Amino acid sequence: MDSLITYYLEMQTPQAFSEQAHFDLKEIETPQFQFNRFLYQLVGSAWQWTDKLSWNSEQWQALVNNPYHRTWVAYQQGAIVGYYELQRVHDDVELLYFGLSPQFIGKRLGKVLLEAAIRSAWQWQGAKRVWVHTCNLDHPAALANYQARGFTLYDQTEERLPAPL
């Protein structure tokens, strides 16, 4: 792959979803930055999430302890299905991180977890826009999943990746 293509998507009105979750969804009400770091690595390792791997504890604490940051985790039979993080800036809610644990990929749970994330974002009082970004390094179905749930593309960037050593 010679370039990184980043897709920016938004939703300006809430969507209605009818499918029920096949997992238990819990909001992390007592922030634990170590748990967020673990979730980031668990879900992101397959998709080359590297931007926060070099973060120190203080950086993780600043993110997770921010009152405008929230995290949810989905469980099935005690195992972590996946998670998502939301971050609010003014009236915009960003789906900051979203993904499934490796053993749950391909079990048709990404759609339902994404719908739960979208519902959570719109339930944040005063939200007027929900947005997310993804890239061509993400799961091959990620962009289509976002669009099928009602997100529309509003920007796209491309940058050359460094040549492998």
N, C-alpha and C. Protein backbone atom coordinates (compact mmCIF):
# COMPACT_ATOMS: atom_id res chain seq x y z
N MET A 1 0.86 -1.17 0.00
CA MET A 1 0.00 0.00 0.00
C MET A 1 0.90 1.23 0.00
N ASP A 2 0.71 2.10 -0.97
CA ASP A 2 1.56 3.26 -1.13
C ASP A 2 1.06 4.50 -0.43
N SER A 3 -0.25 4.55 -0.14
CA SER A 3 -0.78 5.75 0.48
C SER A 3 -1.84 5.42 1.52
N LEU A 4 -2.01 6.38 2.41
CA LEU A 4 -3.03 6.29 3.46
C LEU A 4 -4.17 7.21 3.06
N ILE A 5 -5.34 6.64 2.89
CA ILE A 5 -6.52 7.43 2.54
C ILE A 5 -7.40 7.49 3.79
N THR A 6 -7.69 8.70 4.24
CA THR A 6 -8.53 8.90 5.41
C THR A 6 -9.87 9.46 4.95
N TYR A 7 -10.93 8.83 5.44
CA TYR A 7 -12.30 9.21 5.08
C TYR A 7 -12.95 9.86 6.30
N TYR A 8 -13.56 11.02 6.12
CA TYR A 8 -14.27 11.72 7.17
C TYR A 8 -15.76 11.66 6.87
N LEU A 9 -16.51 11.13 7.84
CA LEU A 9 -17.94 10.94 7.64
C LEU A 9 -18.71 11.63 8.76
N GLU A 10 -19.93 12.05 8.43
CA GLU A 10 -20.76 12.72 9.42
C GLU A 10 -22.21 12.30 9.30
N MET A 11 -22.94 12.58 10.37
CA MET A 11 -24.37 12.33 10.43
C MET A 11 -24.96 13.58 11.11
N GLN A 12 -25.95 14.19 10.46
CA GLN A 12 -26.51 15.43 11.02
C GLN A 12 -27.88 15.23 11.65
N THR A 13 -28.45 14.05 11.49
CA THR A 13 -29.72 13.73 12.13
C THR A 13 -29.67 12.30 12.65
N PRO A 14 -30.32 12.03 13.78
CA PRO A 14 -30.31 10.67 14.32
C PRO A 14 -30.96 9.67 13.37
N GLN A 15 -30.49 8.44 13.46
CA GLN A 15 -31.04 7.35 12.66
C GLN A 15 -31.83 6.42 13.58
N ALA A 16 -32.80 5.73 13.02
CA ALA A 16 -33.57 4.74 13.78
C ALA A 16 -33.06 3.35 13.40
N PHE A 17 -32.76 2.56 14.41
CA PHE A 17 -32.28 1.20 14.20
C PHE A 17 -33.19 0.25 14.97
N SER A 18 -33.42 -0.92 14.42
CA SER A 18 -34.33 -1.85 15.07
C SER A 18 -33.67 -3.13 15.57
N GLU A 19 -32.47 -3.43 15.10
CA GLU A 19 -31.84 -4.70 15.48
C GLU A 19 -31.40 -4.65 16.95
N GLN A 20 -31.62 -5.73 17.65
CA GLN A 20 -31.25 -5.84 19.06
C GLN A 20 -29.84 -6.40 19.20
N ALA A 21 -29.16 -5.92 20.21
CA ALA A 21 -27.80 -6.38 20.49
C ALA A 21 -27.81 -7.80 21.04
N HIS A 22 -26.79 -8.56 20.68
CA HIS A 22 -26.61 -9.92 21.19
C HIS A 22 -25.45 -9.93 22.18
N PHE A 23 -25.32 -8.84 22.92
CA PHE A 23 -24.25 -8.69 23.89
C PHE A 23 -24.71 -7.73 24.97
N ASP A 24 -23.97 -7.69 26.06
CA ASP A 24 -24.23 -6.74 27.14
C ASP A 24 -23.35 -5.52 26.92
N LEU A 25 -23.95 -4.35 26.92
CA LEU A 25 -23.22 -3.11 26.68
C LEU A 25 -23.16 -2.33 27.99
N LYS A 26 -21.97 -1.98 28.40
CA LYS A 26 -21.77 -1.25 29.65
C LYS A 26 -20.94 0.00 29.41
N GLU A 27 -21.42 1.13 29.95
CA GLU A 27 -20.60 2.34 29.93
C GLU A 27 -19.63 2.27 31.09
N ILE A 28 -18.40 2.67 30.84
CA ILE A 28 -17.39 2.73 31.88
C ILE A 28 -17.61 4.05 32.63
N GLU A 29 -18.23 3.96 33.78
CA GLU A 29 -18.59 5.17 34.53
C GLU A 29 -17.47 5.65 35.44
N THR A 30 -16.56 4.77 35.79
CA THR A 30 -15.38 5.16 36.57
C THR A 30 -14.18 4.97 35.64
N PRO A 31 -13.66 6.08 35.09
CA PRO A 31 -12.57 5.97 34.12
C PRO A 31 -11.34 5.28 34.70
N GLN A 32 -10.77 4.39 33.88
CA GLN A 32 -9.51 3.72 34.18
C GLN A 32 -8.68 3.76 32.90
N PHE A 33 -7.72 4.68 32.86
CA PHE A 33 -6.98 4.87 31.62
C PHE A 33 -6.28 3.60 31.17
N GLN A 34 -5.88 2.74 32.11
CA GLN A 34 -5.21 1.50 31.74
C GLN A 34 -6.14 0.59 30.94
N PHE A 35 -7.43 0.61 31.31
CA PHE A 35 -8.41 -0.21 30.60
C PHE A 35 -8.60 0.33 29.17
N ASN A 36 -8.69 1.65 29.02
CA ASN A 36 -8.81 2.22 27.68
C ASN A 36 -7.59 1.89 26.83
N ARG A 37 -6.42 1.95 27.44
CA ARG A 37 -5.19 1.61 26.71
C ARG A 37 -5.25 0.15 26.27
N PHE A 38 -5.69 -0.74 27.16
CA PHE A 38 -5.83 -2.15 26.83
C PHE A 38 -6.82 -2.34 25.68
N LEU A 39 -7.99 -1.70 25.74
CA LEU A 39 -9.00 -1.83 24.69
C LEU A 39 -8.46 -1.33 23.35
N TYR A 40 -7.77 -0.21 23.38
CA TYR A 40 -7.16 0.36 22.17
C TYR A 40 -6.22 -0.64 21.51
N GLN A 41 -5.41 -1.31 22.33
CA GLN A 41 -4.47 -2.29 21.78
C GLN A 41 -5.18 -3.57 21.35
N LEU A 42 -6.14 -4.03 22.14
CA LEU A 42 -6.87 -5.25 21.81
C LEU A 42 -7.57 -5.13 20.46
N VAL A 43 -8.29 -4.04 20.27
CA VAL A 43 -9.08 -3.85 19.06
C VAL A 43 -8.21 -3.31 17.92
N GLY A 44 -7.31 -2.42 18.22
CA GLY A 44 -6.58 -1.71 17.17
C GLY A 44 -5.37 -2.41 16.59
N SER A 45 -4.85 -3.42 17.27
CA SER A 45 -3.61 -4.04 16.78
C SER A 45 -3.76 -4.62 15.38
N ALA A 46 -4.92 -5.16 15.05
CA ALA A 46 -5.13 -5.74 13.72
C ALA A 46 -5.21 -4.68 12.62
N TRP A 47 -5.46 -3.42 13.03
CA TRP A 47 -5.69 -2.36 12.04
C TRP A 47 -4.65 -1.26 12.11
N GLN A 48 -3.52 -1.57 12.70
CA GLN A 48 -2.38 -0.67 12.75
C GLN A 48 -2.71 0.65 13.45
N TRP A 49 -3.50 0.58 14.52
CA TRP A 49 -3.71 1.77 15.34
C TRP A 49 -2.40 2.00 16.10
N THR A 50 -1.68 3.01 15.72
CA THR A 50 -0.37 3.25 16.32
C THR A 50 -0.24 4.65 16.93
N ASP A 51 -1.19 5.54 16.66
CA ASP A 51 -1.01 6.92 17.09
C ASP A 51 -0.91 7.10 18.60
N LYS A 52 -1.49 6.21 19.39
CA LYS A 52 -1.44 6.36 20.84
C LYS A 52 -0.55 5.32 21.53
N LEU A 53 0.13 4.50 20.77
CA LEU A 53 1.00 3.48 21.38
C LEU A 53 2.15 4.10 22.17
N SER A 54 2.59 5.28 21.78
CA SER A 54 3.71 5.93 22.47
C SER A 54 3.25 6.83 23.62
N TRP A 55 1.95 6.90 23.85
CA TRP A 55 1.44 7.76 24.93
C TRP A 55 1.89 7.27 26.29
N ASN A 56 2.18 8.23 27.16
CA ASN A 56 2.50 7.88 28.55
C ASN A 56 1.21 7.91 29.38
N SER A 57 1.32 7.53 30.63
CA SER A 57 0.15 7.45 31.51
C SER A 57 -0.58 8.78 31.65
N GLU A 58 0.17 9.87 31.71
CA GLU A 58 -0.46 11.18 31.86
C GLU A 58 -1.32 11.53 30.65
N GLN A 59 -0.85 11.19 29.46
CA GLN A 59 -1.63 11.46 28.26
C GLN A 59 -2.92 10.64 28.25
N TRP A 60 -2.81 9.36 28.61
CA TRP A 60 -4.00 8.51 28.68
C TRP A 60 -4.97 9.03 29.74
N GLN A 61 -4.46 9.43 30.88
CA GLN A 61 -5.33 9.97 31.93
C GLN A 61 -6.05 11.22 31.46
N ALA A 62 -5.35 12.10 30.77
CA ALA A 62 -5.97 13.34 30.29
C ALA A 62 -7.12 13.03 29.34
N LEU A 63 -6.95 12.04 28.47
CA LEU A 63 -8.01 11.67 27.55
C LEU A 63 -9.20 11.08 28.29
N VAL A 64 -8.95 10.07 29.09
CA VAL A 64 -10.02 9.28 29.71
C VAL A 64 -10.72 10.04 30.83
N ASN A 65 -10.02 10.91 31.53
CA ASN A 65 -10.63 11.66 32.62
C ASN A 65 -11.32 12.94 32.15
N ASN A 66 -11.25 13.24 30.88
CA ASN A 66 -11.94 14.40 30.32
C ASN A 66 -13.44 14.19 30.48
N PRO A 67 -14.17 15.15 31.05
CA PRO A 67 -15.62 14.96 31.23
C PRO A 67 -16.39 14.87 29.91
N TYR A 68 -15.75 15.20 28.81
CA TYR A 68 -16.39 15.12 27.49
C TYR A 68 -15.95 13.88 26.72
N HIS A 69 -15.47 12.89 27.45
CA HIS A 69 -15.03 11.62 26.87
C HIS A 69 -15.77 10.50 27.57
N ARG A 70 -16.31 9.55 26.80
CA ARG A 70 -17.05 8.42 27.37
C ARG A 70 -16.67 7.14 26.63
N THR A 71 -16.72 6.02 27.37
CA THR A 71 -16.33 4.72 26.81
C THR A 71 -17.40 3.68 27.14
N TRP A 72 -17.72 2.84 26.16
CA TRP A 72 -18.63 1.71 26.35
C TRP A 72 -17.91 0.43 25.92
N VAL A 73 -18.22 -0.67 26.61
CA VAL A 73 -17.65 -1.97 26.28
C VAL A 73 -18.78 -2.96 26.12
N ALA A 74 -18.71 -3.77 25.07
CA ALA A 74 -19.70 -4.82 24.82
C ALA A 74 -19.09 -6.16 25.25
N TYR A 75 -19.89 -6.94 25.98
CA TYR A 75 -19.46 -8.24 26.49
C TYR A 75 -20.43 -9.31 26.01
N GLN A 76 -19.88 -10.49 25.76
CA GLN A 76 -20.71 -11.66 25.46
C GLN A 76 -20.09 -12.84 26.20
N GLN A 77 -20.87 -13.44 27.07
CA GLN A 77 -20.41 -14.56 27.90
C GLN A 77 -19.10 -14.22 28.63
N GLY A 78 -19.00 -12.98 29.09
CA GLY A 78 -17.84 -12.53 29.84
C GLY A 78 -16.67 -12.04 29.03
N ALA A 79 -16.69 -12.27 27.73
CA ALA A 79 -15.58 -11.84 26.86
C ALA A 79 -15.89 -10.47 26.27
N ILE A 80 -14.85 -9.71 26.00
CA ILE A 80 -15.01 -8.38 25.39
C ILE A 80 -15.26 -8.56 23.90
N VAL A 81 -16.46 -8.17 23.47
CA VAL A 81 -16.83 -8.20 22.04
C VAL A 81 -16.14 -7.06 21.31
N GLY A 82 -16.19 -5.88 21.90
CA GLY A 82 -15.62 -4.69 21.30
C GLY A 82 -15.89 -3.50 22.18
N TYR A 83 -15.56 -2.33 21.67
CA TYR A 83 -15.77 -1.12 22.46
C TYR A 83 -15.87 0.08 21.54
N TYR A 84 -16.32 1.18 22.13
CA TYR A 84 -16.27 2.46 21.43
C TYR A 84 -16.07 3.58 22.42
N GLU A 85 -15.44 4.64 21.93
CA GLU A 85 -15.22 5.85 22.71
C GLU A 85 -15.86 7.00 21.97
N LEU A 86 -16.51 7.86 22.71
CA LEU A 86 -17.09 9.09 22.17
C LEU A 86 -16.40 10.28 22.82
N GLN A 87 -16.23 11.32 22.05
CA GLN A 87 -15.66 12.56 22.57
C GLN A 87 -16.46 13.73 22.03
N ARG A 88 -16.84 14.61 22.93
CA ARG A 88 -17.68 15.73 22.54
C ARG A 88 -16.88 17.03 22.54
N VAL A 89 -17.05 17.80 21.47
CA VAL A 89 -16.52 19.16 21.38
C VAL A 89 -17.68 20.02 20.90
N HIS A 90 -18.14 20.90 21.78
CA HIS A 90 -19.31 21.75 21.52
C HIS A 90 -20.52 20.87 21.19
N ASP A 91 -21.11 21.04 20.01
CA ASP A 91 -22.30 20.25 19.63
C ASP A 91 -21.94 19.01 18.81
N ASP A 92 -20.66 18.80 18.56
CA ASP A 92 -20.19 17.66 17.76
C ASP A 92 -19.76 16.52 18.68
N VAL A 93 -20.20 15.32 18.34
CA VAL A 93 -19.74 14.13 19.05
C VAL A 93 -18.96 13.28 18.05
N GLU A 94 -17.71 13.04 18.39
CA GLU A 94 -16.86 12.21 17.53
C GLU A 94 -16.88 10.78 18.03
N LEU A 95 -17.08 9.86 17.13
CA LEU A 95 -16.88 8.44 17.42
C LEU A 95 -15.37 8.25 17.30
N LEU A 96 -14.70 8.43 18.43
CA LEU A 96 -13.25 8.51 18.48
C LEU A 96 -12.60 7.17 18.15
N TYR A 97 -13.08 6.10 18.80
CA TYR A 97 -12.60 4.75 18.52
C TYR A 97 -13.78 3.81 18.53
N PHE A 98 -13.72 2.82 17.65
CA PHE A 98 -14.78 1.83 17.53
C PHE A 98 -14.18 0.57 16.93
N GLY A 99 -14.52 -0.57 17.50
CA GLY A 99 -14.05 -1.80 16.88
C GLY A 99 -14.37 -3.03 17.70
N LEU A 100 -14.12 -4.16 17.08
CA LEU A 100 -14.39 -5.46 17.67
C LEU A 100 -13.08 -6.14 18.08
N SER A 101 -13.16 -6.97 19.11
CA SER A 101 -12.04 -7.83 19.47
C SER A 101 -11.81 -8.83 18.33
N PRO A 102 -10.57 -9.24 18.10
CA PRO A 102 -10.29 -10.10 16.94
C PRO A 102 -11.18 -11.34 16.82
N GLN A 103 -11.48 -12.03 17.93
CA GLN A 103 -12.26 -13.27 17.83
C GLN A 103 -13.73 -13.03 17.51
N PHE A 104 -14.19 -11.77 17.54
CA PHE A 104 -15.59 -11.49 17.23
C PHE A 104 -15.77 -10.88 15.84
N ILE A 105 -14.70 -10.67 15.13
CA ILE A 105 -14.80 -10.15 13.76
C ILE A 105 -15.39 -11.23 12.87
N GLY A 106 -16.29 -10.83 11.99
CA GLY A 106 -16.92 -11.77 11.07
C GLY A 106 -18.15 -12.45 11.63
N LYS A 107 -18.62 -12.03 12.79
CA LYS A 107 -19.80 -12.64 13.41
C LYS A 107 -21.01 -11.71 13.34
N ARG A 108 -20.94 -10.71 12.47
CA ARG A 108 -22.05 -9.78 12.22
C ARG A 108 -22.41 -8.95 13.45
N LEU A 109 -21.41 -8.66 14.29
CA LEU A 109 -21.64 -7.85 15.48
C LEU A 109 -21.22 -6.39 15.28
N GLY A 110 -20.41 -6.11 14.28
CA GLY A 110 -19.95 -4.75 14.03
C GLY A 110 -21.10 -3.80 13.72
N LYS A 111 -22.05 -4.26 12.96
CA LYS A 111 -23.22 -3.46 12.61
C LYS A 111 -23.99 -3.06 13.87
N VAL A 112 -24.26 -4.02 14.73
CA VAL A 112 -25.07 -3.78 15.92
C VAL A 112 -24.31 -2.90 16.92
N LEU A 113 -23.00 -3.14 17.07
CA LEU A 113 -22.22 -2.31 17.99
C LEU A 113 -22.13 -0.88 17.46
N LEU A 114 -21.98 -0.72 16.15
CA LEU A 114 -21.95 0.63 15.57
C LEU A 114 -23.29 1.34 15.79
N GLU A 115 -24.38 0.64 15.64
CA GLU A 115 -25.69 1.24 15.88
C GLU A 115 -25.81 1.68 17.34
N ALA A 116 -25.29 0.88 18.26
CA ALA A 116 -25.30 1.26 19.67
C ALA A 116 -24.46 2.52 19.90
N ALA A 117 -23.32 2.60 19.25
CA ALA A 117 -22.46 3.77 19.37
C ALA A 117 -23.16 5.02 18.85
N ILE A 118 -23.83 4.89 17.73
CA ILE A 118 -24.56 6.03 17.16
C ILE A 118 -25.68 6.47 18.10
N ARG A 119 -26.42 5.52 18.64
CA ARG A 119 -27.47 5.86 19.61
C ARG A 119 -26.89 6.60 20.81
N SER A 120 -25.78 6.09 21.34
CA SER A 120 -25.13 6.74 22.49
C SER A 120 -24.71 8.16 22.16
N ALA A 121 -24.17 8.36 20.98
CA ALA A 121 -23.73 9.70 20.58
C ALA A 121 -24.91 10.67 20.52
N TRP A 122 -26.00 10.24 19.92
CA TRP A 122 -27.17 11.12 19.80
C TRP A 122 -27.88 11.33 21.13
N GLN A 123 -27.71 10.42 22.06
CA GLN A 123 -28.33 10.59 23.39
C GLN A 123 -27.58 11.60 24.25
N TRP A 124 -26.39 11.99 23.82
CA TRP A 124 -25.63 12.99 24.55
C TRP A 124 -26.34 14.33 24.36
N GLN A 125 -26.91 14.86 25.40
CA GLN A 125 -27.76 16.05 25.32
C GLN A 125 -27.06 17.19 24.58
N GLY A 126 -27.77 17.75 23.59
CA GLY A 126 -27.26 18.88 22.82
C GLY A 126 -26.49 18.49 21.58
N ALA A 127 -26.30 17.20 21.33
CA ALA A 127 -25.55 16.77 20.14
C ALA A 127 -26.31 17.19 18.88
N LYS A 128 -25.57 17.79 17.94
CA LYS A 128 -26.17 18.21 16.67
C LYS A 128 -25.50 17.55 15.47
N ARG A 129 -24.38 16.91 15.73
CA ARG A 129 -23.65 16.25 14.65
C ARG A 129 -22.81 15.14 15.25
N VAL A 130 -22.77 14.00 14.57
CA VAL A 130 -21.92 12.89 14.96
C VAL A 130 -20.97 12.63 13.78
N TRP A 131 -19.71 12.47 14.08
CA TRP A 131 -18.76 12.25 12.99
C TRP A 131 -17.72 11.20 13.38
N VAL A 132 -17.08 10.68 12.37
CA VAL A 132 -16.08 9.64 12.54
C VAL A 132 -15.09 9.73 11.38
N HIS A 133 -13.89 9.24 11.60
CA HIS A 133 -12.99 9.07 10.47
C HIS A 133 -12.47 7.64 10.49
N THR A 134 -12.21 7.15 9.30
CA THR A 134 -11.66 5.82 9.12
C THR A 134 -10.64 5.92 7.99
N CYS A 135 -9.99 4.83 7.69
CA CYS A 135 -8.98 4.88 6.62
C CYS A 135 -8.90 3.54 5.91
N ASN A 136 -8.11 3.50 4.87
CA ASN A 136 -7.99 2.29 4.06
C ASN A 136 -7.17 1.19 4.76
N LEU A 137 -6.64 1.45 5.96
CA LEU A 137 -5.98 0.41 6.74
C LEU A 137 -6.97 -0.32 7.64
N ASP A 138 -8.17 0.23 7.77
CA ASP A 138 -9.20 -0.35 8.64
C ASP A 138 -9.78 -1.61 7.99
N HIS A 139 -10.66 -2.28 8.72
CA HIS A 139 -11.34 -3.46 8.19
C HIS A 139 -11.93 -3.12 6.82
N PRO A 140 -11.85 -4.02 5.85
CA PRO A 140 -12.35 -3.72 4.51
C PRO A 140 -13.83 -3.32 4.47
N ALA A 141 -14.63 -3.73 5.45
CA ALA A 141 -16.05 -3.38 5.46
C ALA A 141 -16.35 -2.13 6.29
N ALA A 142 -15.34 -1.51 6.91
CA ALA A 142 -15.58 -0.40 7.82
C ALA A 142 -16.30 0.77 7.15
N LEU A 143 -15.77 1.26 6.05
CA LEU A 143 -16.37 2.41 5.38
C LEU A 143 -17.81 2.12 4.98
N ALA A 144 -18.05 0.97 4.40
CA ALA A 144 -19.40 0.59 3.98
C ALA A 144 -20.34 0.47 5.19
N ASN A 145 -19.83 -0.03 6.31
CA ASN A 145 -20.63 -0.15 7.52
C ASN A 145 -21.06 1.23 8.02
N TYR A 146 -20.13 2.16 8.06
CA TYR A 146 -20.47 3.52 8.48
C TYR A 146 -21.53 4.12 7.55
N GLN A 147 -21.33 3.96 6.27
CA GLN A 147 -22.28 4.54 5.31
C GLN A 147 -23.64 3.86 5.38
N ALA A 148 -23.68 2.56 5.58
CA ALA A 148 -24.95 1.84 5.68
C ALA A 148 -25.72 2.24 6.93
N ARG A 149 -25.03 2.74 7.96
CA ARG A 149 -25.69 3.18 9.18
C ARG A 149 -26.12 4.64 9.10
N GLY A 150 -25.83 5.32 7.98
CA GLY A 150 -26.32 6.68 7.80
C GLY A 150 -25.26 7.77 7.75
N PHE A 151 -24.00 7.42 7.91
CA PHE A 151 -22.94 8.43 7.79
C PHE A 151 -22.72 8.77 6.32
N THR A 152 -22.42 10.04 6.05
CA THR A 152 -22.10 10.47 4.69
C THR A 152 -20.68 11.04 4.67
N LEU A 153 -19.99 10.78 3.58
CA LEU A 153 -18.63 11.25 3.40
C LEU A 153 -18.63 12.76 3.18
N TYR A 154 -17.83 13.50 3.94
CA TYR A 154 -17.73 14.94 3.73
C TYR A 154 -16.31 15.40 3.39
N ASP A 155 -15.32 14.51 3.58
CA ASP A 155 -13.95 14.88 3.20
C ASP A 155 -13.13 13.60 3.08
N GLN A 156 -12.03 13.72 2.36
CA GLN A 156 -11.13 12.60 2.15
C GLN A 156 -9.74 13.16 1.93
N THR A 157 -8.74 12.59 2.58
CA THR A 157 -7.36 13.02 2.38
C THR A 157 -6.51 11.82 2.00
N GLU A 158 -5.41 12.10 1.37
CA GLU A 158 -4.49 11.04 0.99
C GLU A 158 -3.07 11.51 1.24
N GLU A 159 -2.28 10.63 1.86
CA GLU A 159 -0.87 10.95 2.08
C GLU A 159 -0.03 9.72 1.74
N ARG A 160 1.14 9.96 1.23
CA ARG A 160 2.03 8.87 0.87
C ARG A 160 2.62 8.25 2.12
N LEU A 161 2.67 6.94 2.14
CA LEU A 161 3.29 6.22 3.24
C LEU A 161 4.78 6.08 2.97
N PRO A 162 5.59 6.10 4.02
CA PRO A 162 7.03 5.91 3.80
C PRO A 162 7.30 4.51 3.24
N ALA A 163 8.31 4.42 2.42
CA ALA A 163 8.69 3.13 1.85
C ALA A 163 9.19 2.21 2.95
N PRO A 164 8.83 0.93 2.88
CA PRO A 164 9.31 -0.02 3.90
C PRO A 164 10.82 -0.16 3.83
N LEU A 165 11.42 -0.42 4.98
CA LEU A 165 12.90 -0.56 5.04
C LEU A 165 13.33 -1.92 4.60
